[in-house]
Amino acid sequence: MRIKELQLLMQRHRFSVTLGEITNLDNHWYVTHSGLLQLAFRRRCLGIRTNLEEKQSDPVAGRWVFKATVYKSRGSRGFAGYGDADPSNCSSLVHGAEMRVAETRAVNRALRKAYGIGLCSVEELGRSSGSPKPSPEPVYYKDRYPNGNGISNGQPRLRDQLSLLIRQYNLDPTLVKLYAADFCGTETLSGASRDLVESFISHLAVTAKEKRDALICKLNSYSQPQEARP
């Protein structure tokens, strides 16, 4: 981008280089997530809604797709944008945080559409070592899940991955939890180690996709009294 064009962009939208609202990376200028949020605040944006696109997402593979809709004012039909992230299109600095990266990218695209920003955002870049690392999750998540079934090294919660599979394949959550505990060899799912839960989630994803009828029969067996199970 030429200096004159950059100056016009800064004047029109009041972006600040000092505050990190736009940044230069490899001799190219990019708007940042914080810059777009500040712009929305200055323009009195009514709200932003994000939704996980479950059918396009694959929690086992670490692929997440979000849709964001920006509402500039009351009565606005909204400006939509999509964002996806997986280990193949994210910097190694943010591996394990693909869910948050996907949501950020969706919000950025929707905001750029809403306010006519032709400049790409830095968070939308693929494998770039200069891409900023998302903020770490609060520490209390780790305290609440001592067995590692919550946040681990910034990775999405296993609980979220399991819930997504349950919704995606319309499974009974209670029966899935009973099956999971049986699979892991523990009395309850919360007592299983992270490795065991990860193995179960992988097993459930494959079975639900390739042998759903057999999976439903297996789950239904857990609705029977214990002595009557096969």
C-alpha atoms as a PDB file:
ATOM      1  CA  MET A   1       0.000   0.000   0.000  1.00  0.00           C
ATOM      2  CA  ARG A   2       1.280   3.444  -0.892  1.00  0.00           C
ATOM      3  CA  ILE A   3       2.021   5.972   1.863  1.00  0.00           C
ATOM      4  CA  LYS A   4      -0.679   8.328   0.578  1.00  0.00           C
ATOM      5  CA  GLU A   5      -3.300   5.554   0.613  1.00  0.00           C
ATOM      6  CA  LEU A   6      -2.236   4.575   4.107  1.00  0.00           C
ATOM      7  CA  GLN A   7      -2.554   8.159   5.296  1.00  0.00           C
ATOM      8  CA  LEU A   8      -6.049   8.422   3.834  1.00  0.00           C
ATOM      9  CA  LEU A   9      -7.045   5.168   5.567  1.00  0.00           C
ATOM     10  CA  MET A  10      -5.698   6.438   8.891  1.00  0.00           C
ATOM     11  CA  GLN A  11      -7.506   9.747   8.511  1.00  0.00           C
ATOM     12  CA  ARG A  12     -10.802   8.200   7.492  1.00  0.00           C
ATOM     13  CA  HIS A  13     -10.950   5.539  10.193  1.00  0.00           C
ATOM     14  CA  ARG A  14      -8.637   7.168  12.769  1.00  0.00           C
ATOM     15  CA  PHE A  15      -6.395   4.123  12.998  1.00  0.00           C
ATOM     16  CA  SER A  16      -3.284   4.536  15.125  1.00  0.00           C
ATOM     17  CA  VAL A  17       0.061   2.901  14.414  1.00  0.00           C
ATOM     18  CA  THR A  18       1.249   3.772  17.936  1.00  0.00           C
ATOM     19  CA  LEU A  19      -1.684   1.959  19.536  1.00  0.00           C
ATOM     20  CA  GLY A  20      -1.154  -1.087  17.318  1.00  0.00           C
ATOM     21  CA  GLU A  21      -4.383  -0.678  15.363  1.00  0.00           C
ATOM     22  CA  ILE A  22      -2.500  -1.152  12.108  1.00  0.00           C
ATOM     23  CA  THR A  23       0.869  -2.825  11.739  1.00  0.00           C
ATOM     24  CA  ASN A  24       3.583  -3.401   9.174  1.00  0.00           C
ATOM     25  CA  LEU A  25       4.664  -6.964   8.502  1.00  0.00           C
ATOM     26  CA  ASP A  26       7.162  -7.903   5.788  1.00  0.00           C
ATOM     27  CA  ASN A  27       6.734  -4.447   4.224  1.00  0.00           C
ATOM     28  CA  HIS A  28       2.950  -4.799   4.029  1.00  0.00           C
ATOM     29  CA  TRP A  29       0.376  -2.968   6.134  1.00  0.00           C
ATOM     30  CA  TYR A  30      -2.385  -4.831   7.971  1.00  0.00           C
ATOM     31  CA  VAL A  31      -5.201  -3.798  10.254  1.00  0.00           C
ATOM     32  CA  THR A  32      -5.315  -5.606  13.612  1.00  0.00           C
ATOM     33  CA  HIS A  33      -8.141  -7.159  15.593  1.00  0.00           C
ATOM     34  CA  SER A  34      -7.825  -4.500  18.290  1.00  0.00           C
ATOM     35  CA  GLY A  35      -7.915  -1.798  15.613  1.00  0.00           C
ATOM     36  CA  LEU A  36     -11.139  -3.169  14.149  1.00  0.00           C
ATOM     37  CA  LEU A  37     -12.750  -3.436  17.591  1.00  0.00           C
ATOM     38  CA  GLN A  38     -11.768   0.151  18.382  1.00  0.00           C
ATOM     39  CA  LEU A  39     -13.265   1.246  15.062  1.00  0.00           C
ATOM     40  CA  ALA A  40     -16.515  -0.547  15.895  1.00  0.00           C
ATOM     41  CA  PHE A  41     -16.561   1.165  19.290  1.00  0.00           C
ATOM     42  CA  ARG A  42     -15.989   4.592  17.755  1.00  0.00           C
ATOM     43  CA  ARG A  43     -18.755   3.988  15.222  1.00  0.00           C
ATOM     44  CA  ARG A  44     -21.086   2.821  18.011  1.00  0.00           C
ATOM     45  CA  CYS A  45     -21.552  -0.650  16.591  1.00  0.00           C
ATOM     46  CA  LEU A  46     -24.690  -2.236  18.019  1.00  0.00           C
ATOM     47  CA  GLY A  47     -23.237  -5.720  18.423  1.00  0.00           C
ATOM     48  CA  ILE A  48     -21.368  -8.715  17.042  1.00  0.00           C
ATOM     49  CA  ARG A  49     -22.712 -12.263  17.066  1.00  0.00           C
ATOM     50  CA  THR A  50     -20.564 -15.345  16.487  1.00  0.00           C
ATOM     51  CA  ASN A  51     -21.701 -18.891  15.781  1.00  0.00           C
ATOM     52  CA  LEU A  52     -19.729 -22.102  15.486  1.00  0.00           C
ATOM     53  CA  GLU A  53     -20.363 -23.822  12.157  1.00  0.00           C
ATOM     54  CA  GLU A  54     -20.587 -27.344  13.526  1.00  0.00           C
ATOM     55  CA  LYS A  55     -20.977 -29.214  10.227  1.00  0.00           C
ATOM     56  CA  GLN A  56     -17.839 -27.653   8.789  1.00  0.00           C
ATOM     57  CA  SER A  57     -15.807 -28.068  11.979  1.00  0.00           C
ATOM     58  CA  ASP A  58     -13.813 -31.130  12.971  1.00  0.00           C
ATOM     59  CA  PRO A  59     -12.705 -30.960  16.630  1.00  0.00           C
ATOM     60  CA  VAL A  60     -10.587 -34.093  16.381  1.00  0.00           C
ATOM     61  CA  ALA A  61      -8.535 -32.601  13.546  1.00  0.00           C
ATOM     62  CA  GLY A  62      -8.432 -29.200  15.229  1.00  0.00           C
ATOM     63  CA  ARG A  63     -10.388 -27.555  12.411  1.00  0.00           C
ATOM     64  CA  TRP A  64     -12.875 -24.855  13.418  1.00  0.00           C
ATOM     65  CA  VAL A  65     -15.159 -22.654  11.341  1.00  0.00           C
ATOM     66  CA  PHE A  66     -17.043 -19.642  12.710  1.00  0.00           C
ATOM     67  CA  LYS A  67     -19.559 -17.199  11.284  1.00  0.00           C
ATOM     68  CA  ALA A  68     -19.627 -13.657  12.643  1.00  0.00           C
ATOM     69  CA  THR A  69     -22.339 -11.087  12.016  1.00  0.00           C
ATOM     70  CA  VAL A  70     -21.836  -7.378  12.704  1.00  0.00           C
ATOM     71  CA  TYR A  71     -24.898  -5.224  13.405  1.00  0.00           C
ATOM     72  CA  LYS A  72     -24.020  -1.568  12.940  1.00  0.00           C
ATOM     73  CA  SER A  73     -27.361  -0.231  14.150  1.00  0.00           C
ATOM     74  CA  ARG A  74     -30.891  -1.222  15.105  1.00  0.00           C
ATOM     75  CA  GLY A  75     -32.716  -2.691  12.161  1.00  0.00           C
ATOM     76  CA  SER A  76     -29.477  -3.646  10.434  1.00  0.00           C
ATOM     77  CA  ARG A  77     -29.608  -6.968   8.572  1.00  0.00           C
ATOM     78  CA  GLY A  78     -25.987  -7.512   9.506  1.00  0.00           C
ATOM     79  CA  PHE A  79     -22.690  -8.001   7.712  1.00  0.00           C
ATOM     80  CA  ALA A  80     -21.493 -11.612   7.818  1.00  0.00           C
ATOM     81  CA  GLY A  81     -18.008 -13.008   7.613  1.00  0.00           C
ATOM     82  CA  TYR A  82     -16.546 -16.484   7.986  1.00  0.00           C
ATOM     83  CA  GLY A  83     -13.279 -17.542   9.526  1.00  0.00           C
ATOM     84  CA  ASP A  84     -11.588 -20.936   9.631  1.00  0.00           C
ATOM     85  CA  ALA A  85      -8.487 -22.208  11.348  1.00  0.00           C
ATOM     86  CA  ASP A  86      -6.628 -25.500  11.594  1.00  0.00           C
ATOM     87  CA  PRO A  87      -3.004 -26.481  12.189  1.00  0.00           C
ATOM     88  CA  SER A  88      -2.228 -26.164   8.476  1.00  0.00           C
ATOM     89  CA  ASN A  89      -3.155 -22.474   8.167  1.00  0.00           C
ATOM     90  CA  CYS A  90      -2.011 -21.176  11.546  1.00  0.00           C
ATOM     91  CA  SER A  91       1.373 -20.163  12.822  1.00  0.00           C
ATOM     92  CA  SER A  92       3.097 -22.677  15.096  1.00  0.00           C
ATOM     93  CA  LEU A  93       2.852 -20.008  17.790  1.00  0.00           C
ATOM     94  CA  VAL A  94      -0.909 -20.503  18.037  1.00  0.00           C
ATOM     95  CA  HIS A  95      -1.222 -24.266  17.594  1.00  0.00           C
ATOM     96  CA  GLY A  96      -3.758 -25.531  20.097  1.00  0.00           C
ATOM     97  CA  ALA A  97      -5.709 -22.263  19.949  1.00  0.00           C
ATOM     98  CA  GLU A  98      -7.305 -22.774  16.527  1.00  0.00           C
ATOM     99  CA  MET A  99     -10.840 -22.321  17.889  1.00  0.00           C
ATOM    100  CA  ARG A 100     -10.090 -18.801  19.081  1.00  0.00           C
ATOM    101  CA  VAL A 101      -8.167 -17.965  15.903  1.00  0.00           C
ATOM    102  CA  ALA A 102     -11.132 -19.014  13.746  1.00  0.00           C
ATOM    103  CA  GLU A 103     -13.559 -16.856  15.727  1.00  0.00           C
ATOM    104  CA  THR A 104     -11.199 -13.866  15.580  1.00  0.00           C
ATOM    105  CA  ARG A 105     -10.816 -14.232  11.818  1.00  0.00           C
ATOM    106  CA  ALA A 106     -14.584 -14.372  11.352  1.00  0.00           C
ATOM    107  CA  VAL A 107     -15.098 -11.230  13.439  1.00  0.00           C
ATOM    108  CA  ASN A 108     -12.365  -9.406  11.536  1.00  0.00           C
ATOM    109  CA  ARG A 109     -13.848 -10.234   8.133  1.00  0.00           C
ATOM    110  CA  ALA A 110     -17.334  -9.185   9.233  1.00  0.00           C
ATOM    111  CA  LEU A 111     -16.042  -5.891  10.635  1.00  0.00           C
ATOM    112  CA  ARG A 112     -14.024  -5.180   7.499  1.00  0.00           C
ATOM    113  CA  LYS A 113     -17.146  -5.720   5.389  1.00  0.00           C
ATOM    114  CA  ALA A 114     -19.305  -3.590   7.650  1.00  0.00           C
ATOM    115  CA  TYR A 115     -16.966  -0.593   7.592  1.00  0.00           C
ATOM    116  CA  GLY A 116     -15.466  -0.945   4.126  1.00  0.00           C
ATOM    117  CA  ILE A 117     -11.926  -1.841   5.155  1.00  0.00           C
ATOM    118  CA  GLY A 118     -10.086  -3.251   2.167  1.00  0.00           C
ATOM    119  CA  LEU A 119      -6.938  -3.771   4.182  1.00  0.00           C
ATOM    120  CA  CYS A 120      -6.497  -7.415   5.271  1.00  0.00           C
ATOM    121  CA  SER A 121      -6.194  -8.086   8.984  1.00  0.00           C
ATOM    122  CA  VAL A 122      -3.004  -9.620  10.346  1.00  0.00           C
ATOM    123  CA  GLU A 123      -4.961 -12.354  12.157  1.00  0.00           C
ATOM    124  CA  GLU A 124      -6.320 -13.606   8.835  1.00  0.00           C
ATOM    125  CA  LEU A 125      -2.842 -14.469   7.592  1.00  0.00           C
ATOM    126  CA  GLY A 126      -1.923 -18.131   7.317  1.00  0.00           C
ATOM    127  CA  ARG A 127       1.481 -19.425   8.349  1.00  0.00           C
ATOM    128  CA  SER A 128       3.094 -16.173   9.370  1.00  0.00           C
ATOM    129  CA  SER A 129       5.586 -16.044  12.193  1.00  0.00           C
ATOM    130  CA  GLY A 130       4.499 -12.487  12.804  1.00  0.00           C
ATOM    131  CA  SER A 131       0.902 -13.339  13.562  1.00  0.00           C
ATOM    132  CA  PRO A 132       0.018 -12.342  17.111  1.00  0.00           C
ATOM    133  CA  LYS A 133      -0.604 -15.065  19.637  1.00  0.00           C
ATOM    134  CA  PRO A 134      -4.112 -15.150  21.122  1.00  0.00           C
ATOM    135  CA  SER A 135      -4.463 -14.284  24.770  1.00  0.00           C
ATOM    136  CA  PRO A 136      -4.059 -17.292  27.072  1.00  0.00           C
ATOM    137  CA  GLU A 137      -7.086 -18.757  28.774  1.00  0.00           C
ATOM    138  CA  PRO A 138      -7.739 -17.831  32.414  1.00  0.00           C
ATOM    139  CA  VAL A 139      -5.844 -19.948  34.934  1.00  0.00           C
ATOM    140  CA  TYR A 140      -8.995 -21.044  36.762  1.00  0.00           C
ATOM    141  CA  TYR A 141      -9.871 -23.430  33.923  1.00  0.00           C
ATOM    142  CA  LYS A 142      -6.829 -25.506  34.806  1.00  0.00           C
ATOM    143  CA  ASP A 143      -7.796 -25.523  38.467  1.00  0.00           C
ATOM    144  CA  ARG A 144     -11.293 -26.771  37.715  1.00  0.00           C
ATOM    145  CA  TYR A 145     -10.088 -29.764  35.698  1.00  0.00           C
ATOM    146  CA  PRO A 146      -7.238 -31.410  37.655  1.00  0.00           C
ATOM    147  CA  ASN A 147      -7.235 -34.513  35.431  1.00  0.00           C
ATOM    148  CA  GLY A 148      -6.551 -32.471  32.318  1.00  0.00           C
ATOM    149  CA  ASN A 149     -10.046 -32.600  30.819  1.00  0.00           C
ATOM    150  CA  GLY A 150     -10.185 -28.798  30.596  1.00  0.00           C
ATOM    151  CA  ILE A 151      -7.556 -26.532  29.078  1.00  0.00           C
ATOM    152  CA  SER A 152      -4.143 -28.068  28.406  1.00  0.00           C
ATOM    153  CA  ASN A 153      -1.393 -25.960  26.861  1.00  0.00           C
ATOM    154  CA  GLY A 154      -4.046 -23.674  25.362  1.00  0.00           C
ATOM    155  CA  GLN A 155      -5.852 -26.505  23.556  1.00  0.00           C
ATOM    156  CA  PRO A 156      -9.665 -26.484  23.236  1.00  0.00           C
ATOM    157  CA  ARG A 157     -11.462 -28.202  26.082  1.00  0.00           C
ATOM    158  CA  LEU A 158     -12.159 -31.873  25.548  1.00  0.00           C
ATOM    159  CA  ARG A 159     -15.608 -31.171  26.938  1.00  0.00           C
ATOM    160  CA  ASP A 160     -16.241 -28.773  24.031  1.00  0.00           C
ATOM    161  CA  GLN A 161     -15.025 -31.340  21.511  1.00  0.00           C
ATOM    162  CA  LEU A 162     -17.273 -34.032  22.975  1.00  0.00           C
ATOM    163  CA  SER A 163     -20.289 -31.703  23.107  1.00  0.00           C
ATOM    164  CA  LEU A 164     -19.791 -30.780  19.469  1.00  0.00           C
ATOM    165  CA  LEU A 165     -19.758 -34.442  18.410  1.00  0.00           C
ATOM    166  CA  ILE A 166     -22.901 -35.103  20.449  1.00  0.00           C
ATOM    167  CA  ARG A 167     -24.755 -32.239  18.739  1.00  0.00           C
ATOM    168  CA  GLN A 168     -23.327 -32.976  15.317  1.00  0.00           C
ATOM    169  CA  TYR A 169     -24.504 -36.602  15.321  1.00  0.00           C
ATOM    170  CA  ASN A 170     -27.587 -36.093  17.518  1.00  0.00           C
ATOM    171  CA  LEU A 171     -26.438 -38.435  20.285  1.00  0.00           C
ATOM    172  CA  ASP A 172     -27.810 -38.816  23.807  1.00  0.00           C
ATOM    173  CA  PRO A 173     -25.344 -36.963  26.067  1.00  0.00           C
ATOM    174  CA  THR A 174     -26.103 -39.067  29.141  1.00  0.00           C
ATOM    175  CA  LEU A 175     -25.517 -42.340  27.304  1.00  0.00           C
ATOM    176  CA  VAL A 176     -22.370 -40.972  25.684  1.00  0.00           C
ATOM    177  CA  LYS A 177     -20.941 -40.115  29.114  1.00  0.00           C
ATOM    178  CA  LEU A 178     -21.740 -43.609  30.393  1.00  0.00           C
ATOM    179  CA  TYR A 179     -20.111 -45.120  27.326  1.00  0.00           C
ATOM    180  CA  ALA A 180     -17.089 -42.850  27.771  1.00  0.00           C
ATOM    181  CA  ALA A 181     -16.609 -43.875  31.399  1.00  0.00           C
ATOM    182  CA  ASP A 182     -16.864 -47.534  30.419  1.00  0.00           C
ATOM    183  CA  PHE A 183     -14.406 -47.003  27.549  1.00  0.00           C
ATOM    184  CA  CYS A 184     -11.926 -45.267  29.866  1.00  0.00           C
ATOM    185  CA  GLY A 185     -12.368 -47.822  32.642  1.00  0.00           C
ATOM    186  CA  THR A 186     -13.423 -45.268  35.244  1.00  0.00           C
ATOM    187  CA  GLU A 187     -16.572 -44.820  37.303  1.00  0.00           C
ATOM    188  CA  THR A 188     -17.207 -41.375  35.816  1.00  0.00           C
ATOM    189  CA  LEU A 189     -15.858 -39.491  32.818  1.00  0.00           C
ATOM    190  CA  SER A 190     -14.412 -36.777  35.057  1.00  0.00           C
ATOM    191  CA  GLY A 191     -12.141 -39.392  36.647  1.00  0.00           C
ATOM    192  CA  ALA A 192     -10.474 -40.323  33.343  1.00  0.00           C
ATOM    193  CA  SER A 193      -7.114 -38.960  32.243  1.00  0.00           C
ATOM    194  CA  ARG A 194      -6.845 -36.565  29.309  1.00  0.00           C
ATOM    195  CA  ASP A 195      -5.170 -39.204  27.142  1.00  0.00           C
ATOM    196  CA  LEU A 196      -8.036 -41.637  27.683  1.00  0.00           C
ATOM    197  CA  VAL A 197     -10.659 -38.998  26.954  1.00  0.00           C
ATOM    198  CA  GLU A 198      -8.827 -37.986  23.778  1.00  0.00           C
ATOM    199  CA  SER A 199      -8.798 -41.627  22.671  1.00  0.00           C
ATOM    200  CA  PHE A 200     -12.519 -41.919  23.330  1.00  0.00           C
ATOM    201  CA  ILE A 201     -13.295 -38.741  21.387  1.00  0.00           C
ATOM    202  CA  SER A 202     -11.292 -40.004  18.413  1.00  0.00           C
ATOM    203  CA  HIS A 203     -13.062 -43.374  18.620  1.00  0.00           C
ATOM    204  CA  LEU A 204     -16.483 -41.703  18.893  1.00  0.00           C
ATOM    205  CA  ALA A 205     -15.823 -39.409  15.927  1.00  0.00           C
ATOM    206  CA  VAL A 206     -14.842 -42.288  13.660  1.00  0.00           C
ATOM    207  CA  THR A 207     -17.644 -44.580  14.805  1.00  0.00           C
ATOM    208  CA  ALA A 208     -20.328 -41.872  14.556  1.00  0.00           C
ATOM    209  CA  LYS A 209     -19.252 -41.071  11.014  1.00  0.00           C
ATOM    210  CA  GLU A 210     -18.735 -44.598   9.666  1.00  0.00           C
ATOM    211  CA  LYS A 211     -20.900 -46.875  11.857  1.00  0.00           C
ATOM    212  CA  ARG A 212     -23.585 -44.675  13.390  1.00  0.00           C
ATOM    213  CA  ASP A 213     -26.217 -47.439  13.589  1.00  0.00           C
ATOM    214  CA  ALA A 214     -23.840 -49.671  15.533  1.00  0.00           C
ATOM    215  CA  LEU A 215     -22.953 -46.758  17.787  1.00  0.00           C
ATOM    216  CA  ILE A 216     -26.627 -46.061  18.545  1.00  0.00           C
ATOM    217  CA  CYS A 217     -27.129 -49.721  19.483  1.00  0.00           C
ATOM    218  CA  LYS A 218     -24.101 -49.546  21.745  1.00  0.00           C
ATOM    219  CA  LEU A 219     -25.342 -46.377  23.428  1.00  0.00           C
ATOM    220  CA  ASN A 220     -28.823 -47.815  23.895  1.00  0.00           C
ATOM    221  CA  SER A 221     -27.303 -50.722  25.802  1.00  0.00           C
ATOM    222  CA  TYR A 222     -26.332 -48.249  28.528  1.00  0.00           C
ATOM    223  CA  SER A 223     -29.980 -47.359  29.079  1.00  0.00           C
ATOM    224  CA  GLN A 224     -30.581 -50.931  30.280  1.00  0.00           C
ATOM    225  CA  PRO A 225     -29.962 -52.126  33.833  1.00  0.00           C
ATOM    226  CA  GLN A 226     -26.327 -53.047  34.353  1.00  0.00           C
ATOM    227  CA  GLU A 227     -26.905 -56.779  34.756  1.00  0.00           C
ATOM    228  CA  ALA A 228     -28.866 -56.882  31.469  1.00  0.00           C
ATOM    229  CA  ARG A 229     -26.150 -55.289  29.330  1.00  0.00           C
ATOM    230  CA  PRO A 230     -24.408 -57.481  26.736  1.00  0.00           C
END
